[in-house]
Amino acid sequence: MAFISSGYNPDKPMENRITDIGPRKYDEFYPPVIAKNKGKWLYHEILAPGVLVHVSETGDEVYTVRVGGCRLMSVTHIREICEIADKHCDGHVRFTTRNNIEFMVDSKDKLQPLKDDLTGRKFPGGSFKFPIGGTGAGITNIVHTQGWIHCHTPATDASGTVKATLDVLFDDFQDMRLPAHLRVSMACCLNMCGAVHCSDIAILGYHRKPPMLDHEYLDKLCEIPLAIAACPTAAIKPAKVELADGKIVNSVAVKNERCMFCGNCYTMCPSMPLADDLGDGIVLMAGGKVSNRISNPKFSKVVVAFIPNEMPRWPTMTATIKRIVEAYAKDANKYERLGEWAERIGWEKFFEKCELDFTHHLIDDFRDSAYYTWRQTSNFKF
């Protein structure tokens, strides 16, 4: 009734609308050539790393320049992106799902000036602001999570580890020498708001110690039932605790062998912090993919059980990732993804060729009836 009395017409929901709540319709942002040729594209080609052309049945062409973008951007950086789009692309710009930025022009004459402008923009230290690449059989931008800059449960940093990794893999961002495209992802804790469960190479922040309990303040700062309910493994239970001064307080107890170090309890209760300088570090995973091509989609497998945090450049982690990439580039067949290569040669050979130590921590011993009976892939079969 309130909606009707305020003038809302359910038959015409957009009538007299005065707010901008919710996103605008996506096709309002199409470049004119894209809108004109929707559903009419014949083919596309990669002309050079980071440069694509799409050709329509009408004869129209769209040239796209893909550049690497950072996951967390300053306002000045976004304004510079908009300036480039206004200068070369009639104000249109596109972001990919892996944080790349794509500038599109509708004629070949506009392509070279756009490329020259992008390559000419550098940071004071000399690195590219807008490096061109990330297409085809190479490494595109690393999708990642928030890390220390914005999240409260990370075991490692996201932006720092990704910057260090991409510095090592930068040549393959601007080249297409690999057997197939290689996706690298990063999540700063095992709650995994990054895509590390199904990437060719994945960086995962990992806690190894249960939460610390500040019994003195826990009941004052936390809703104890919420902290208990937040635990996915039922490792937390209510407890009475005697403090040093003999005072009895309401608190919780943690069953350490049940704890999976996820940090959900800390989300609900700031008196249960999980971060620890010695217990926190990085796990490397490999062999995952989403694609149905050649073989079914695959989950990533743990290949390095733990690497300590070595800020600010994480040298052990980056050297290990580089070894994996080089072994894959040298040994895999054309079009073969990293996981397919590992399965073809055998995981034992994979560890040998990548110079990785194998331990009992890496054995996948999860088996139950669902593992054998449920459909295990998203591959469509008609």
Protein backbone atom coordinates (compact mmCIF):
# COMPACT_ATOMS: atom_id res chain seq x y z
CA MET A 1 0.00 0.00 0.00
CA ALA A 2 2.86 2.33 0.78
CA PHE A 3 4.27 1.86 -2.71
CA ILE A 4 0.92 2.65 -4.34
CA SER A 5 0.35 5.75 -2.21
CA SER A 6 3.81 7.04 -3.13
CA GLY A 7 3.01 6.83 -6.82
CA TYR A 8 4.78 3.56 -7.66
CA ASN A 9 3.14 1.77 -10.58
CA PRO A 10 4.01 -1.97 -10.60
CA ASP A 11 2.95 -2.22 -14.25
CA LYS A 12 5.48 0.47 -15.21
CA PRO A 13 8.30 0.12 -12.68
CA MET A 14 10.58 2.68 -14.41
CA GLU A 15 7.91 5.39 -14.68
CA ASN A 16 8.94 8.65 -12.95
CA ARG A 17 11.97 6.97 -11.44
CA ILE A 18 14.26 9.57 -9.87
CA THR A 19 16.97 7.44 -8.23
CA ASP A 20 20.04 5.69 -9.64
CA ILE A 21 19.78 2.68 -7.31
CA GLY A 22 21.11 -0.42 -9.04
CA PRO A 23 23.29 -0.73 -12.14
CA ARG A 24 22.41 0.79 -15.47
CA LYS A 25 21.59 -1.62 -18.28
CA TYR A 26 24.86 -2.99 -19.66
CA ASP A 27 24.16 -2.28 -23.32
CA GLU A 28 24.03 1.46 -22.62
CA PHE A 29 27.82 1.34 -22.38
CA TYR A 30 28.55 -0.42 -25.68
CA PRO A 31 30.75 1.44 -28.15
CA PRO A 32 28.57 2.26 -31.20
CA VAL A 33 30.36 -0.28 -33.42
CA ILE A 34 29.74 -3.02 -30.82
CA ALA A 35 26.06 -2.12 -30.48
CA LYS A 36 25.65 -2.00 -34.26
CA ASN A 37 27.20 -5.44 -34.83
CA LYS A 38 25.88 -7.39 -31.86
CA GLY A 39 25.38 -11.00 -32.94
CA LYS A 40 27.07 -10.41 -36.29
CA TRP A 41 30.73 -11.10 -35.55
CA LEU A 42 32.38 -13.56 -37.91
CA TYR A 43 35.77 -14.16 -36.30
CA HIS A 44 38.55 -12.65 -34.24
CA GLU A 45 42.33 -12.87 -34.33
CA ILE A 46 45.18 -12.05 -31.97
CA LEU A 47 47.41 -9.78 -34.08
CA ALA A 48 50.11 -9.50 -31.41
CA PRO A 49 50.27 -10.11 -27.66
CA GLY A 50 47.58 -7.89 -26.18
CA VAL A 51 46.15 -6.79 -29.54
CA LEU A 52 42.99 -8.34 -31.01
CA VAL A 53 40.76 -7.66 -33.99
CA HIS A 54 37.11 -8.68 -34.30
CA VAL A 55 35.57 -8.68 -37.79
CA SER A 56 31.84 -8.44 -38.44
CA GLU A 57 29.80 -9.77 -41.35
CA THR A 58 29.03 -6.10 -42.12
CA GLY A 59 32.73 -5.47 -42.70
CA ASP A 60 33.15 -3.44 -39.53
CA GLU A 61 36.25 -4.09 -37.43
CA VAL A 62 37.07 -3.53 -33.78
CA TYR A 63 40.67 -3.40 -32.62
CA THR A 64 41.20 -4.10 -28.92
CA VAL A 65 44.33 -3.35 -26.90
CA ARG A 66 44.48 -5.23 -23.62
CA VAL A 67 46.67 -3.90 -20.82
CA GLY A 68 47.37 -5.12 -17.33
CA GLY A 69 45.48 -3.36 -14.57
CA CYS A 70 45.93 -3.38 -10.83
CA ARG A 71 43.28 -4.91 -8.60
CA LEU A 72 43.25 -1.93 -6.21
CA MET A 73 43.32 1.41 -8.05
CA SER A 74 43.76 4.97 -6.91
CA VAL A 75 41.36 7.66 -8.09
CA THR A 76 44.16 9.31 -10.09
CA HIS A 77 44.87 6.02 -11.89
CA ILE A 78 41.19 5.58 -12.79
CA ARG A 79 41.08 9.16 -14.07
CA GLU A 80 44.07 8.43 -16.27
CA ILE A 81 42.29 5.38 -17.69
CA CYS A 82 39.26 7.57 -18.43
CA GLU A 83 41.51 10.17 -20.05
CA ILE A 84 42.94 7.54 -22.42
CA ALA A 85 39.44 6.27 -23.23
CA ASP A 86 38.25 9.80 -23.97
CA LYS A 87 41.30 10.54 -26.13
CA HIS A 88 41.30 7.41 -28.29
CA CYS A 89 38.09 5.40 -27.77
CA ASP A 90 35.24 7.96 -27.65
CA GLY A 91 34.98 7.47 -23.91
CA HIS A 92 34.52 3.69 -23.91
CA VAL A 93 36.62 1.27 -21.85
CA ARG A 94 36.19 -2.30 -20.67
CA PHE A 95 37.49 -4.28 -17.68
CA THR A 96 37.96 -8.04 -17.95
CA THR A 97 37.21 -10.53 -15.19
CA ARG A 98 40.95 -10.80 -14.44
CA ASN A 99 41.45 -7.06 -13.90
CA ASN A 100 42.82 -6.33 -17.38
CA ILE A 101 41.74 -3.12 -19.09
CA GLU A 102 40.67 -3.16 -22.75
CA PHE A 103 40.64 -0.10 -25.00
CA MET A 104 38.68 -0.52 -28.25
CA VAL A 105 38.93 1.48 -31.48
CA ASP A 106 36.90 1.05 -34.66
CA SER A 107 39.64 1.44 -37.28
CA LYS A 108 43.19 0.29 -37.79
CA ASP A 109 44.36 3.90 -38.22
CA LYS A 110 43.60 4.54 -34.54
CA LEU A 111 45.42 1.44 -33.29
CA GLN A 112 49.07 2.55 -33.40
CA PRO A 113 48.51 5.96 -31.74
CA LEU A 114 46.68 4.15 -28.92
CA LYS A 115 49.51 1.64 -28.47
CA ASP A 116 52.15 4.38 -28.52
CA ASP A 117 50.26 6.36 -25.89
CA LEU A 118 49.88 3.32 -23.61
CA THR A 119 53.52 2.22 -23.83
CA GLY A 120 54.70 5.78 -23.27
CA ARG A 121 53.01 6.09 -19.87
CA LYS A 122 55.30 4.98 -17.04
CA PHE A 123 55.58 5.29 -13.29
CA PRO A 124 58.41 7.41 -11.83
CA GLY A 125 60.38 4.21 -11.17
CA GLY A 126 60.30 3.34 -14.89
CA SER A 127 57.74 0.52 -14.95
CA PHE A 128 54.80 0.52 -17.37
CA LYS A 129 51.53 1.95 -16.14
CA PHE A 130 49.65 0.12 -18.88
CA PRO A 131 51.68 -2.88 -20.12
CA ILE A 132 50.20 -4.40 -23.26
CA GLY A 133 49.72 -8.19 -23.24
CA GLY A 134 47.77 -10.89 -21.46
CA THR A 135 46.31 -12.70 -24.49
CA GLY A 136 46.64 -16.13 -26.07
CA ALA A 137 49.16 -18.77 -24.99
CA GLY A 138 50.73 -16.70 -22.26
CA ILE A 139 50.02 -15.42 -18.77
CA THR A 140 47.29 -12.87 -18.25
CA ASN A 141 46.71 -10.75 -15.16
CA ILE A 142 46.60 -12.53 -11.80
CA VAL A 143 43.17 -12.31 -10.19
CA HIS A 144 43.52 -11.90 -6.45
CA THR A 145 41.83 -11.04 -3.17
CA GLN A 146 42.22 -8.17 -0.67
CA GLY A 147 45.24 -9.19 1.40
CA TRP A 148 46.63 -7.10 4.23
CA ILE A 149 45.36 -3.86 2.74
CA HIS A 150 41.67 -4.51 3.30
CA CYS A 151 40.89 -7.93 4.80
CA HIS A 152 40.93 -9.08 8.41
CA THR A 153 41.69 -12.80 7.96
CA PRO A 154 44.60 -13.00 5.46
CA ALA A 155 47.60 -15.24 6.05
CA THR A 156 49.63 -13.33 3.48
CA ASP A 157 49.35 -10.23 1.34
CA ALA A 158 47.57 -10.30 -1.99
CA SER A 159 48.79 -7.22 -3.86
CA GLY A 160 52.39 -7.77 -2.72
CA THR A 161 52.62 -11.43 -3.69
CA VAL A 162 50.92 -10.77 -7.03
CA LYS A 163 53.19 -7.82 -7.84
CA ALA A 164 56.29 -9.91 -7.00
CA THR A 165 55.00 -12.87 -9.08
CA LEU A 166 54.07 -10.78 -12.11
CA ASP A 167 57.47 -9.08 -12.05
CA VAL A 168 59.01 -12.55 -12.44
CA LEU A 169 56.48 -13.64 -15.10
CA PHE A 170 56.23 -10.31 -16.93
CA ASP A 171 57.93 -11.56 -20.11
CA ASP A 172 55.20 -14.17 -20.49
CA PHE A 173 52.53 -11.48 -20.02
CA GLN A 174 53.91 -9.80 -23.14
CA ASP A 175 54.62 -13.01 -25.05
CA MET A 176 52.70 -16.09 -26.21
CA ARG A 177 55.41 -18.76 -26.08
CA LEU A 178 53.59 -21.21 -23.78
CA PRO A 179 51.79 -24.37 -24.97
CA ALA A 180 48.43 -22.89 -23.92
CA HIS A 181 47.18 -20.02 -21.81
CA LEU A 182 48.17 -20.25 -18.16
CA ARG A 183 45.96 -18.84 -15.42
CA VAL A 184 47.54 -17.77 -12.14
CA SER A 185 45.29 -16.85 -9.20
CA MET A 186 45.82 -15.73 -5.63
CA ALA A 187 43.76 -15.98 -2.43
CA CYS A 188 45.14 -14.69 0.84
CA CYS A 189 43.38 -17.27 3.05
CA LEU A 190 41.59 -20.56 2.55
CA ASN A 191 38.18 -18.90 2.59
CA MET A 192 39.27 -18.34 -0.99
CA CYS A 193 37.42 -15.37 -2.40
CA GLY A 194 39.91 -15.81 -5.27
CA ALA A 195 39.71 -18.52 -7.96
CA VAL A 196 42.56 -20.64 -6.67
CA HIS A 197 40.57 -23.87 -6.53
CA CYS A 198 40.66 -24.23 -10.32
CA SER A 199 43.72 -22.39 -11.67
CA ASP A 200 46.81 -23.65 -13.48
CA ILE A 201 48.96 -22.18 -10.70
CA ALA A 202 47.49 -20.85 -7.47
CA ILE A 203 48.93 -18.92 -4.53
CA LEU A 204 47.06 -19.50 -1.29
CA GLY A 205 47.66 -17.82 2.05
CA TYR A 206 47.49 -20.39 4.83
CA HIS A 207 47.17 -20.17 8.61
CA ARG A 208 48.72 -23.05 10.57
CA LYS A 209 47.74 -22.13 14.11
CA PRO A 210 44.33 -21.97 15.83
CA PRO A 211 42.93 -18.64 17.04
CA MET A 212 44.41 -16.97 20.10
CA LEU A 213 41.87 -16.38 22.88
CA ASP A 214 41.71 -13.12 24.79
CA HIS A 215 39.60 -14.46 27.64
CA GLU A 216 39.56 -11.19 29.59
CA TYR A 217 37.75 -9.25 26.88
CA LEU A 218 36.04 -12.00 24.87
CA ASP A 219 32.64 -11.82 26.58
CA LYS A 220 32.76 -8.00 26.52
CA LEU A 221 33.49 -7.74 22.80
CA CYS A 222 31.77 -10.79 21.34
CA GLU A 223 28.45 -12.52 21.08
CA ILE A 224 29.69 -15.94 22.13
CA PRO A 225 26.84 -17.87 20.41
CA LEU A 226 27.74 -16.15 17.12
CA ALA A 227 31.41 -17.10 17.44
CA ILE A 228 30.44 -20.72 18.13
CA ALA A 229 27.94 -20.82 15.26
CA ALA A 230 30.51 -19.34 12.83
CA CYS A 231 32.82 -22.36 13.12
CA PRO A 232 32.31 -24.75 10.18
CA THR A 233 33.91 -27.70 12.02
CA ALA A 234 32.28 -27.28 15.45
CA ALA A 235 35.69 -26.70 17.04
CA ILE A 236 34.46 -23.98 19.43
CA LYS A 237 32.40 -24.50 22.58
CA PRO A 238 31.45 -22.23 25.49
CA ALA A 239 33.70 -22.37 28.56
CA LYS A 240 34.16 -20.77 31.96
CA VAL A 241 37.74 -19.51 32.37
CA GLU A 242 39.55 -18.39 35.49
CA LEU A 243 41.78 -15.35 34.96
CA ALA A 244 45.08 -14.68 36.73
CA ASP A 245 43.33 -12.60 39.38
CA GLY A 246 40.96 -15.46 40.17
CA LYS A 247 37.96 -13.94 38.40
CA ILE A 248 35.71 -16.40 36.50
CA VAL A 249 34.57 -15.16 33.09
CA ASN A 250 32.46 -16.49 30.24
CA SER A 251 34.62 -17.41 27.26
CA VAL A 252 35.16 -20.21 24.73
CA ALA A 253 37.46 -23.19 24.27
CA VAL A 254 38.85 -24.37 20.92
CA LYS A 255 39.39 -28.01 20.05
CA ASN A 256 42.63 -27.56 18.13
CA GLU A 257 42.51 -30.84 16.21
CA ARG A 258 39.19 -29.78 14.69
CA CYS A 259 40.26 -26.25 13.75
CA MET A 260 40.74 -25.64 10.03
CA PHE A 261 42.28 -22.16 10.59
CA CYS A 262 39.69 -20.38 8.47
CA GLY A 263 39.25 -17.29 10.65
CA ASN A 264 35.44 -17.32 10.59
CA CYS A 265 35.42 -17.03 14.37
CA TYR A 266 37.54 -13.88 14.20
CA THR A 267 34.98 -12.41 11.81
CA MET A 268 32.41 -12.73 14.57
CA CYS A 269 34.73 -12.14 17.52
CA PRO A 270 37.73 -9.77 17.52
CA SER A 271 39.01 -11.46 20.70
CA MET A 272 39.89 -14.57 18.65
CA PRO A 273 42.68 -13.31 16.31
CA LEU A 274 44.31 -15.83 13.98
CA ALA A 275 47.21 -13.96 12.33
CA ASP A 276 50.67 -15.14 13.41
CA ASP A 277 54.03 -14.20 11.95
CA LEU A 278 55.44 -17.74 12.17
CA GLY A 279 52.27 -19.73 11.58
CA ASP A 280 51.16 -17.83 8.49
CA GLY A 281 52.54 -18.42 5.02
CA ILE A 282 51.81 -19.61 1.49
CA VAL A 283 50.67 -22.84 -0.14
CA LEU A 284 51.17 -23.34 -3.89
CA MET A 285 48.62 -25.31 -5.89
CA ALA A 286 48.68 -26.39 -9.53
CA GLY A 287 46.80 -28.21 -12.25
CA GLY A 288 43.32 -26.72 -12.09
CA LYS A 289 41.20 -25.35 -14.91
CA VAL A 290 37.62 -24.37 -15.70
CA SER A 291 37.72 -25.16 -19.41
CA ASN A 292 36.00 -28.21 -20.94
CA ARG A 293 38.53 -28.27 -23.75
CA ILE A 294 40.48 -31.54 -24.31
CA SER A 295 39.71 -32.77 -20.78
CA ASN A 296 37.21 -32.18 -18.02
CA PRO A 297 37.53 -29.24 -15.62
CA LYS A 298 39.97 -29.96 -12.80
CA PHE A 299 40.57 -28.81 -9.25
CA SER A 300 44.01 -27.52 -8.29
CA LYS A 301 46.25 -29.81 -6.23
CA VAL A 302 48.63 -28.75 -3.48
CA VAL A 303 52.21 -29.04 -4.77
CA VAL A 304 54.09 -26.99 -2.15
CA ALA A 305 52.75 -27.45 1.37
CA PHE A 306 54.20 -24.30 2.93
CA ILE A 307 56.42 -21.32 2.13
CA PRO A 308 57.06 -18.70 4.83
CA ASN A 309 56.09 -15.08 4.25
CA GLU A 310 59.20 -13.31 2.97
CA MET A 311 58.12 -9.72 2.55
CA PRO A 312 58.35 -7.63 0.48
CA ARG A 313 59.36 -9.74 -2.57
CA TRP A 314 58.61 -13.36 -1.52
CA PRO A 315 61.72 -14.73 -3.31
CA THR A 316 61.16 -18.43 -2.51
CA MET A 317 57.58 -18.31 -3.76
CA THR A 318 58.40 -16.46 -6.99
CA ALA A 319 61.38 -18.71 -7.77
CA THR A 320 59.20 -21.80 -7.28
CA ILE A 321 56.45 -20.47 -9.55
CA LYS A 322 59.02 -19.55 -12.19
CA ARG A 323 60.42 -23.12 -12.13
CA ILE A 324 56.95 -24.58 -12.63
CA VAL A 325 56.25 -22.25 -15.57
CA GLU A 326 59.60 -23.00 -17.23
CA ALA A 327 59.18 -26.76 -16.84
CA TYR A 328 55.68 -26.54 -18.32
CA ALA A 329 56.85 -24.34 -21.22
CA LYS A 330 59.67 -26.74 -22.05
CA ASP A 331 57.89 -30.09 -21.77
CA ALA A 332 54.16 -29.72 -22.48
CA ASN A 333 52.52 -30.36 -25.85
CA LYS A 334 50.84 -27.57 -27.80
CA TYR A 335 47.37 -26.69 -26.42
CA GLU A 336 48.03 -28.77 -23.29
CA ARG A 337 47.09 -27.07 -20.01
CA LEU A 338 49.38 -27.46 -17.01
CA GLY A 339 47.19 -30.04 -15.27
CA GLU A 340 46.83 -32.06 -18.47
CA TRP A 341 50.61 -32.05 -18.86
CA ALA A 342 51.08 -33.24 -15.27
CA GLU A 343 48.56 -36.06 -15.73
CA ARG A 344 50.15 -37.16 -19.01
CA ILE A 345 53.67 -37.42 -17.63
CA GLY A 346 52.50 -38.47 -14.16
CA TRP A 347 52.55 -36.34 -11.04
CA GLU A 348 55.78 -37.99 -9.89
CA LYS A 349 57.51 -36.66 -13.01
CA PHE A 350 55.84 -33.30 -12.50
CA PHE A 351 57.50 -32.93 -9.10
CA GLU A 352 60.81 -34.08 -10.55
CA LYS A 353 60.74 -31.71 -13.54
CA CYS A 354 59.65 -28.75 -11.40
CA GLU A 355 62.29 -29.56 -8.76
CA LEU A 356 59.68 -29.78 -5.99
CA ASP A 357 59.93 -31.91 -2.86
CA PHE A 358 57.15 -34.42 -2.36
CA THR A 359 55.92 -35.08 1.18
CA HIS A 360 53.09 -37.07 2.71
CA HIS A 361 51.21 -33.80 3.25
CA LEU A 362 50.54 -33.67 -0.49
CA ILE A 363 48.74 -37.03 -0.78
CA ASP A 364 45.07 -36.64 -1.66
CA ASP A 365 43.44 -39.31 0.48
CA PHE A 366 39.88 -37.94 0.43
CA ARG A 367 37.50 -40.68 -0.63
CA ASP A 368 33.87 -41.36 0.19
CA SER A 369 30.87 -42.74 -1.61
CA ALA A 370 29.99 -39.41 -3.19
CA TYR A 371 33.46 -39.23 -4.76
CA TYR A 372 32.61 -42.26 -6.87
CA THR A 373 28.88 -41.80 -7.44
CA TRP A 374 28.25 -38.09 -7.92
CA ARG A 375 28.82 -36.31 -11.18
CA GLN A 376 32.32 -34.90 -10.73
CA THR A 377 32.56 -32.43 -13.57
CA SER A 378 30.71 -29.53 -15.11
CA ASN A 379 31.42 -30.94 -18.59
CA PHE A 380 28.21 -31.12 -20.60
CA LYS A 381 27.35 -34.41 -22.26
CA PHE A 382 24.45 -34.56 -24.67
